[in-house]
């Protein structure tokens, strides 16, 4: 879970843990990228607008490094124009904030299928 908003990040982590998932959290895209290089993950859920590295910049690094980890972008400002110009950056799914706990869990289950 990569999100610079502490309360939102913690709420999402708690929801996912309660549903039985193992979850790590990162405070921004740069911290998320660092964790991705050190650990194996089945899924990344990320915001886009964050300090030090945006979600879309983190996805670009992941794709350039050949990481096949699926990504859910959970953001209030989906970068549609950037993705239209760079379709290889398209996340596997997206959630528009605010989203419900059920929407988060449904999207995670769908992407992990």
N, C-alpha and C. Protein backbone atom coordinates (compact mmCIF):
# COMPACT_ATOMS: atom_id res chain seq x y z
N UNK A 1 0.86 -1.16 0.00
CA UNK A 1 0.00 0.00 0.00
C UNK A 1 0.91 1.23 0.00
N UNK A 2 0.84 2.01 -1.06
CA UNK A 2 1.69 3.19 -1.20
C UNK A 2 0.79 4.43 -1.23
N UNK A 3 0.90 5.24 -0.17
CA UNK A 3 0.07 6.44 -0.07
C UNK A 3 0.71 7.39 0.92
N UNK A 4 0.82 8.65 0.54
CA UNK A 4 1.44 9.64 1.43
C UNK A 4 0.50 10.15 2.51
N UNK A 5 -0.79 9.87 2.39
CA UNK A 5 -1.75 10.29 3.41
C UNK A 5 -1.84 9.21 4.49
N UNK A 6 -1.27 9.50 5.65
CA UNK A 6 -1.11 8.52 6.71
C UNK A 6 -2.43 7.84 7.09
N UNK A 7 -3.48 8.61 7.33
CA UNK A 7 -4.75 8.02 7.77
C UNK A 7 -5.35 7.11 6.70
N UNK A 8 -5.35 7.56 5.46
CA UNK A 8 -5.90 6.75 4.36
C UNK A 8 -5.08 5.48 4.19
N UNK A 9 -3.77 5.60 4.23
CA UNK A 9 -2.89 4.44 4.09
C UNK A 9 -3.19 3.42 5.19
N UNK A 10 -3.27 3.89 6.43
CA UNK A 10 -3.49 2.97 7.55
C UNK A 10 -4.87 2.32 7.48
N UNK A 11 -5.89 3.08 7.10
CA UNK A 11 -7.23 2.52 6.97
C UNK A 11 -7.24 1.39 5.93
N UNK A 12 -6.63 1.63 4.78
CA UNK A 12 -6.58 0.61 3.73
C UNK A 12 -5.78 -0.61 4.16
N UNK A 13 -4.67 -0.38 4.84
CA UNK A 13 -3.87 -1.50 5.36
C UNK A 13 -4.71 -2.33 6.33
N UNK A 14 -5.41 -1.66 7.24
CA UNK A 14 -6.24 -2.37 8.22
C UNK A 14 -7.33 -3.20 7.54
N UNK A 15 -7.99 -2.62 6.54
CA UNK A 15 -9.05 -3.33 5.81
C UNK A 15 -8.49 -4.58 5.14
N UNK A 16 -7.34 -4.45 4.50
CA UNK A 16 -6.75 -5.58 3.79
C UNK A 16 -6.26 -6.66 4.76
N UNK A 17 -5.66 -6.26 5.87
CA UNK A 17 -5.21 -7.23 6.87
C UNK A 17 -6.40 -7.97 7.46
N UNK A 18 -7.46 -7.24 7.77
CA UNK A 18 -8.67 -7.87 8.32
C UNK A 18 -9.27 -8.88 7.34
N UNK A 19 -9.08 -8.65 6.05
CA UNK A 19 -9.58 -9.56 5.02
C UNK A 19 -8.63 -10.74 4.78
N UNK A 20 -7.50 -10.76 5.49
CA UNK A 20 -6.60 -11.89 5.41
C UNK A 20 -5.36 -11.70 4.56
N UNK A 21 -5.14 -10.49 4.06
CA UNK A 21 -3.95 -10.23 3.24
C UNK A 21 -2.77 -9.82 4.11
N UNK A 22 -1.57 -10.16 3.66
CA UNK A 22 -0.35 -9.63 4.28
C UNK A 22 -0.04 -8.33 3.56
N UNK A 23 0.21 -7.26 4.31
CA UNK A 23 0.34 -5.94 3.71
C UNK A 23 1.55 -5.21 4.27
N UNK A 24 2.33 -4.62 3.39
CA UNK A 24 3.37 -3.66 3.76
C UNK A 24 2.88 -2.29 3.32
N UNK A 25 3.38 -1.25 3.98
CA UNK A 25 2.97 0.11 3.64
C UNK A 25 4.19 0.97 3.38
N UNK A 26 4.03 1.90 2.44
CA UNK A 26 5.08 2.86 2.11
C UNK A 26 4.47 4.25 2.06
N UNK A 27 5.23 5.25 2.51
CA UNK A 27 4.70 6.61 2.65
C UNK A 27 4.73 7.43 1.37
N UNK A 28 5.40 6.94 0.34
CA UNK A 28 5.43 7.65 -0.94
C UNK A 28 5.99 6.72 -2.01
N UNK A 29 5.98 7.19 -3.25
CA UNK A 29 6.44 6.37 -4.35
C UNK A 29 7.89 5.93 -4.24
N UNK A 30 8.75 6.80 -3.73
CA UNK A 30 10.17 6.44 -3.59
C UNK A 30 10.33 5.32 -2.58
N UNK A 31 9.63 5.40 -1.47
CA UNK A 31 9.68 4.33 -0.46
C UNK A 31 9.07 3.05 -1.01
N UNK A 32 8.00 3.18 -1.80
CA UNK A 32 7.39 2.03 -2.44
C UNK A 32 8.35 1.36 -3.40
N UNK A 33 9.04 2.16 -4.18
CA UNK A 33 10.02 1.62 -5.14
C UNK A 33 11.14 0.90 -4.41
N UNK A 34 11.61 1.49 -3.31
CA UNK A 34 12.66 0.83 -2.51
C UNK A 34 12.19 -0.54 -2.03
N UNK A 35 10.96 -0.60 -1.51
CA UNK A 35 10.41 -1.87 -1.01
C UNK A 35 10.26 -2.89 -2.14
N UNK A 36 9.83 -2.44 -3.31
CA UNK A 36 9.67 -3.34 -4.45
C UNK A 36 10.99 -3.98 -4.88
N UNK A 37 12.07 -3.26 -4.72
CA UNK A 37 13.38 -3.79 -5.10
C UNK A 37 13.90 -4.82 -4.10
N UNK A 38 13.39 -4.75 -2.86
CA UNK A 38 13.88 -5.64 -1.81
C UNK A 38 12.98 -6.85 -1.55
N UNK A 39 11.71 -6.74 -1.88
CA UNK A 39 10.73 -7.77 -1.53
C UNK A 39 9.92 -8.19 -2.74
N UNK A 40 9.39 -9.39 -2.68
CA UNK A 40 8.48 -9.86 -3.71
C UNK A 40 7.04 -9.58 -3.29
N UNK A 41 6.27 -8.97 -4.15
CA UNK A 41 4.88 -8.65 -3.86
C UNK A 41 3.97 -9.22 -4.94
N UNK A 42 2.75 -9.54 -4.53
CA UNK A 42 1.74 -10.03 -5.46
C UNK A 42 0.94 -8.89 -6.08
N UNK A 43 0.96 -7.72 -5.43
CA UNK A 43 0.12 -6.61 -5.85
C UNK A 43 0.64 -5.32 -5.23
N UNK A 44 0.49 -4.22 -5.97
CA UNK A 44 0.77 -2.88 -5.45
C UNK A 44 -0.50 -2.06 -5.58
N UNK A 45 -0.91 -1.43 -4.48
CA UNK A 45 -2.00 -0.46 -4.50
C UNK A 45 -1.35 0.89 -4.21
N UNK A 46 -1.50 1.84 -5.13
CA UNK A 46 -0.79 3.11 -4.99
C UNK A 46 -1.66 4.31 -5.31
N UNK A 47 -1.39 5.38 -4.61
CA UNK A 47 -1.92 6.69 -4.95
C UNK A 47 -1.09 7.19 -6.13
N UNK A 48 -1.45 8.32 -6.70
CA UNK A 48 -0.60 8.89 -7.75
C UNK A 48 0.16 10.11 -7.25
N UNK A 49 -0.55 11.11 -6.75
CA UNK A 49 0.11 12.36 -6.34
C UNK A 49 0.74 12.20 -4.97
N UNK A 50 2.07 12.03 -4.97
CA UNK A 50 2.84 11.86 -3.73
C UNK A 50 4.17 12.58 -3.88
N UNK A 51 4.77 12.96 -2.76
CA UNK A 51 6.09 13.58 -2.83
C UNK A 51 7.16 12.56 -3.23
N UNK A 52 8.25 13.05 -3.70
CA UNK A 52 9.45 12.30 -4.08
C UNK A 52 9.28 11.42 -5.31
N UNK A 53 8.14 10.77 -5.49
CA UNK A 53 7.89 9.97 -6.69
C UNK A 53 6.39 9.71 -6.77
N UNK A 54 5.80 10.04 -7.90
CA UNK A 54 4.37 9.80 -8.07
C UNK A 54 4.11 8.31 -8.31
N UNK A 55 2.86 7.93 -8.23
CA UNK A 55 2.50 6.56 -8.54
C UNK A 55 2.83 6.18 -9.97
N UNK A 56 2.59 7.09 -10.90
CA UNK A 56 2.85 6.80 -12.31
C UNK A 56 4.36 6.68 -12.56
N UNK A 57 5.17 7.47 -11.85
CA UNK A 57 6.63 7.34 -11.96
C UNK A 57 7.09 5.99 -11.40
N UNK A 58 6.45 5.55 -10.32
CA UNK A 58 6.80 4.25 -9.74
C UNK A 58 6.42 3.13 -10.71
N UNK A 59 5.26 3.23 -11.34
CA UNK A 59 4.85 2.23 -12.34
C UNK A 59 5.86 2.21 -13.49
N UNK A 60 6.30 3.37 -13.94
CA UNK A 60 7.29 3.44 -15.03
C UNK A 60 8.57 2.71 -14.63
N UNK A 61 9.03 2.92 -13.42
CA UNK A 61 10.24 2.23 -12.95
C UNK A 61 10.01 0.71 -12.89
N UNK A 62 8.84 0.32 -12.39
CA UNK A 62 8.52 -1.11 -12.31
C UNK A 62 8.53 -1.74 -13.70
N UNK A 63 7.87 -1.11 -14.65
CA UNK A 63 7.78 -1.66 -16.00
C UNK A 63 9.16 -1.67 -16.68
N UNK A 64 9.94 -0.61 -16.46
CA UNK A 64 11.28 -0.56 -17.05
C UNK A 64 12.19 -1.65 -16.48
N UNK A 65 11.95 -2.00 -15.21
CA UNK A 65 12.75 -3.04 -14.56
C UNK A 65 12.21 -4.45 -14.84
N UNK A 66 11.12 -4.53 -15.61
CA UNK A 66 10.56 -5.83 -15.96
C UNK A 66 9.75 -6.48 -14.84
N UNK A 67 9.33 -5.70 -13.85
CA UNK A 67 8.51 -6.24 -12.76
C UNK A 67 7.08 -6.45 -13.26
N UNK A 68 6.60 -7.66 -13.12
CA UNK A 68 5.27 -8.01 -13.61
C UNK A 68 4.21 -7.95 -12.50
N UNK A 69 4.46 -7.17 -11.49
CA UNK A 69 3.54 -7.04 -10.36
C UNK A 69 2.32 -6.22 -10.80
N UNK A 70 1.10 -6.75 -10.59
CA UNK A 70 -0.08 -5.96 -10.94
C UNK A 70 -0.21 -4.73 -10.04
N UNK A 71 -0.83 -3.68 -10.60
CA UNK A 71 -0.95 -2.41 -9.89
C UNK A 71 -2.40 -1.93 -9.92
N UNK A 72 -2.88 -1.50 -8.76
CA UNK A 72 -4.15 -0.80 -8.65
C UNK A 72 -3.81 0.64 -8.30
N UNK A 73 -4.26 1.58 -9.12
CA UNK A 73 -4.05 2.99 -8.80
C UNK A 73 -5.31 3.52 -8.13
N UNK A 74 -5.16 3.91 -6.87
CA UNK A 74 -6.26 4.44 -6.07
C UNK A 74 -6.00 5.92 -5.85
N UNK A 75 -6.68 6.76 -6.61
CA UNK A 75 -6.35 8.18 -6.60
C UNK A 75 -7.57 9.03 -6.93
N UNK A 76 -7.54 10.26 -6.51
CA UNK A 76 -8.60 11.20 -6.84
C UNK A 76 -8.40 11.87 -8.18
N UNK A 77 -7.19 11.77 -8.71
CA UNK A 77 -6.87 12.42 -9.98
C UNK A 77 -6.13 11.42 -10.87
N UNK A 78 -6.89 10.56 -11.53
CA UNK A 78 -6.30 9.55 -12.40
C UNK A 78 -5.57 10.23 -13.57
N UNK A 79 -4.32 9.85 -13.84
CA UNK A 79 -3.53 10.51 -14.89
C UNK A 79 -3.86 10.00 -16.29
N UNK A 80 -5.10 10.18 -16.71
CA UNK A 80 -5.57 9.64 -17.99
C UNK A 80 -4.76 10.14 -19.18
N UNK A 81 -4.42 11.42 -19.19
CA UNK A 81 -3.68 11.97 -20.33
C UNK A 81 -2.29 11.34 -20.44
N UNK A 82 -1.63 11.14 -19.32
CA UNK A 82 -0.30 10.51 -19.33
C UNK A 82 -0.40 9.08 -19.84
N UNK A 83 -1.41 8.36 -19.36
CA UNK A 83 -1.57 6.96 -19.76
C UNK A 83 -1.98 6.86 -21.23
N UNK A 84 -2.77 7.80 -21.70
CA UNK A 84 -3.15 7.80 -23.11
C UNK A 84 -1.91 7.95 -24.00
N UNK A 85 -0.96 8.79 -23.58
CA UNK A 85 0.28 8.98 -24.34
C UNK A 85 1.26 7.83 -24.13
N UNK A 86 1.14 7.13 -23.00
CA UNK A 86 2.06 6.05 -22.62
C UNK A 86 1.27 4.84 -22.13
N UNK A 87 0.62 4.11 -23.03
CA UNK A 87 -0.27 3.03 -22.61
C UNK A 87 0.40 1.93 -21.79
N UNK A 88 1.70 1.79 -21.90
CA UNK A 88 2.44 0.79 -21.12
C UNK A 88 2.42 1.11 -19.62
N UNK A 89 2.01 2.33 -19.25
CA UNK A 89 1.92 2.72 -17.84
C UNK A 89 0.56 2.44 -17.22
N UNK A 90 -0.38 1.94 -18.01
CA UNK A 90 -1.74 1.73 -17.51
C UNK A 90 -1.74 0.70 -16.39
N UNK A 91 -2.33 1.07 -15.23
CA UNK A 91 -2.44 0.10 -14.14
C UNK A 91 -3.44 -0.99 -14.49
N UNK A 92 -3.40 -2.08 -13.76
CA UNK A 92 -4.30 -3.20 -14.00
C UNK A 92 -5.74 -2.86 -13.62
N UNK A 93 -5.89 -1.94 -12.68
CA UNK A 93 -7.21 -1.47 -12.25
C UNK A 93 -7.03 -0.10 -11.59
N UNK A 94 -8.15 0.59 -11.43
CA UNK A 94 -8.08 1.88 -10.73
C UNK A 94 -9.30 2.04 -9.83
N UNK A 95 -9.11 2.82 -8.79
CA UNK A 95 -10.16 3.19 -7.86
C UNK A 95 -10.12 4.70 -7.70
N UNK A 96 -11.27 5.33 -7.80
CA UNK A 96 -11.33 6.77 -7.60
C UNK A 96 -11.64 7.05 -6.14
N UNK A 97 -10.80 7.86 -5.51
CA UNK A 97 -11.05 8.21 -4.11
C UNK A 97 -12.12 9.29 -4.04
N UNK A 98 -12.96 9.25 -3.03
CA UNK A 98 -12.99 8.22 -1.98
C UNK A 98 -13.67 6.95 -2.49
N UNK A 99 -13.21 5.81 -2.00
CA UNK A 99 -13.81 4.52 -2.34
C UNK A 99 -14.13 3.79 -1.05
N UNK A 100 -15.06 2.86 -1.14
CA UNK A 100 -15.47 2.11 0.05
C UNK A 100 -14.52 0.94 0.30
N UNK A 101 -14.59 0.41 1.50
CA UNK A 101 -13.80 -0.78 1.83
C UNK A 101 -14.17 -1.93 0.90
N UNK A 102 -15.47 -2.08 0.62
CA UNK A 102 -15.93 -3.14 -0.28
C UNK A 102 -15.37 -2.96 -1.68
N UNK A 103 -15.31 -1.72 -2.17
CA UNK A 103 -14.74 -1.47 -3.51
C UNK A 103 -13.26 -1.85 -3.53
N UNK A 104 -12.54 -1.52 -2.46
CA UNK A 104 -11.12 -1.88 -2.38
C UNK A 104 -10.97 -3.40 -2.42
N UNK A 105 -11.71 -4.10 -1.57
CA UNK A 105 -11.58 -5.56 -1.50
C UNK A 105 -12.00 -6.23 -2.80
N UNK A 106 -13.07 -5.76 -3.42
CA UNK A 106 -13.53 -6.33 -4.68
C UNK A 106 -12.48 -6.15 -5.77
N UNK A 107 -11.88 -4.97 -5.83
CA UNK A 107 -10.86 -4.70 -6.86
C UNK A 107 -9.61 -5.52 -6.62
N UNK A 108 -9.19 -5.64 -5.37
CA UNK A 108 -8.01 -6.47 -5.05
C UNK A 108 -8.27 -7.91 -5.46
N UNK A 109 -9.42 -8.47 -5.09
CA UNK A 109 -9.75 -9.86 -5.45
C UNK A 109 -9.75 -10.05 -6.97
N UNK A 110 -10.35 -9.09 -7.68
CA UNK A 110 -10.43 -9.18 -9.14
C UNK A 110 -9.04 -9.18 -9.78
N UNK A 111 -8.16 -8.31 -9.32
CA UNK A 111 -6.82 -8.21 -9.90
C UNK A 111 -5.97 -9.43 -9.55
N UNK A 112 -6.14 -9.97 -8.36
CA UNK A 112 -5.33 -11.13 -7.95
C UNK A 112 -5.82 -12.45 -8.54
N UNK A 113 -7.00 -12.47 -9.14
CA UNK A 113 -7.51 -13.71 -9.74
C UNK A 113 -6.58 -14.26 -10.72
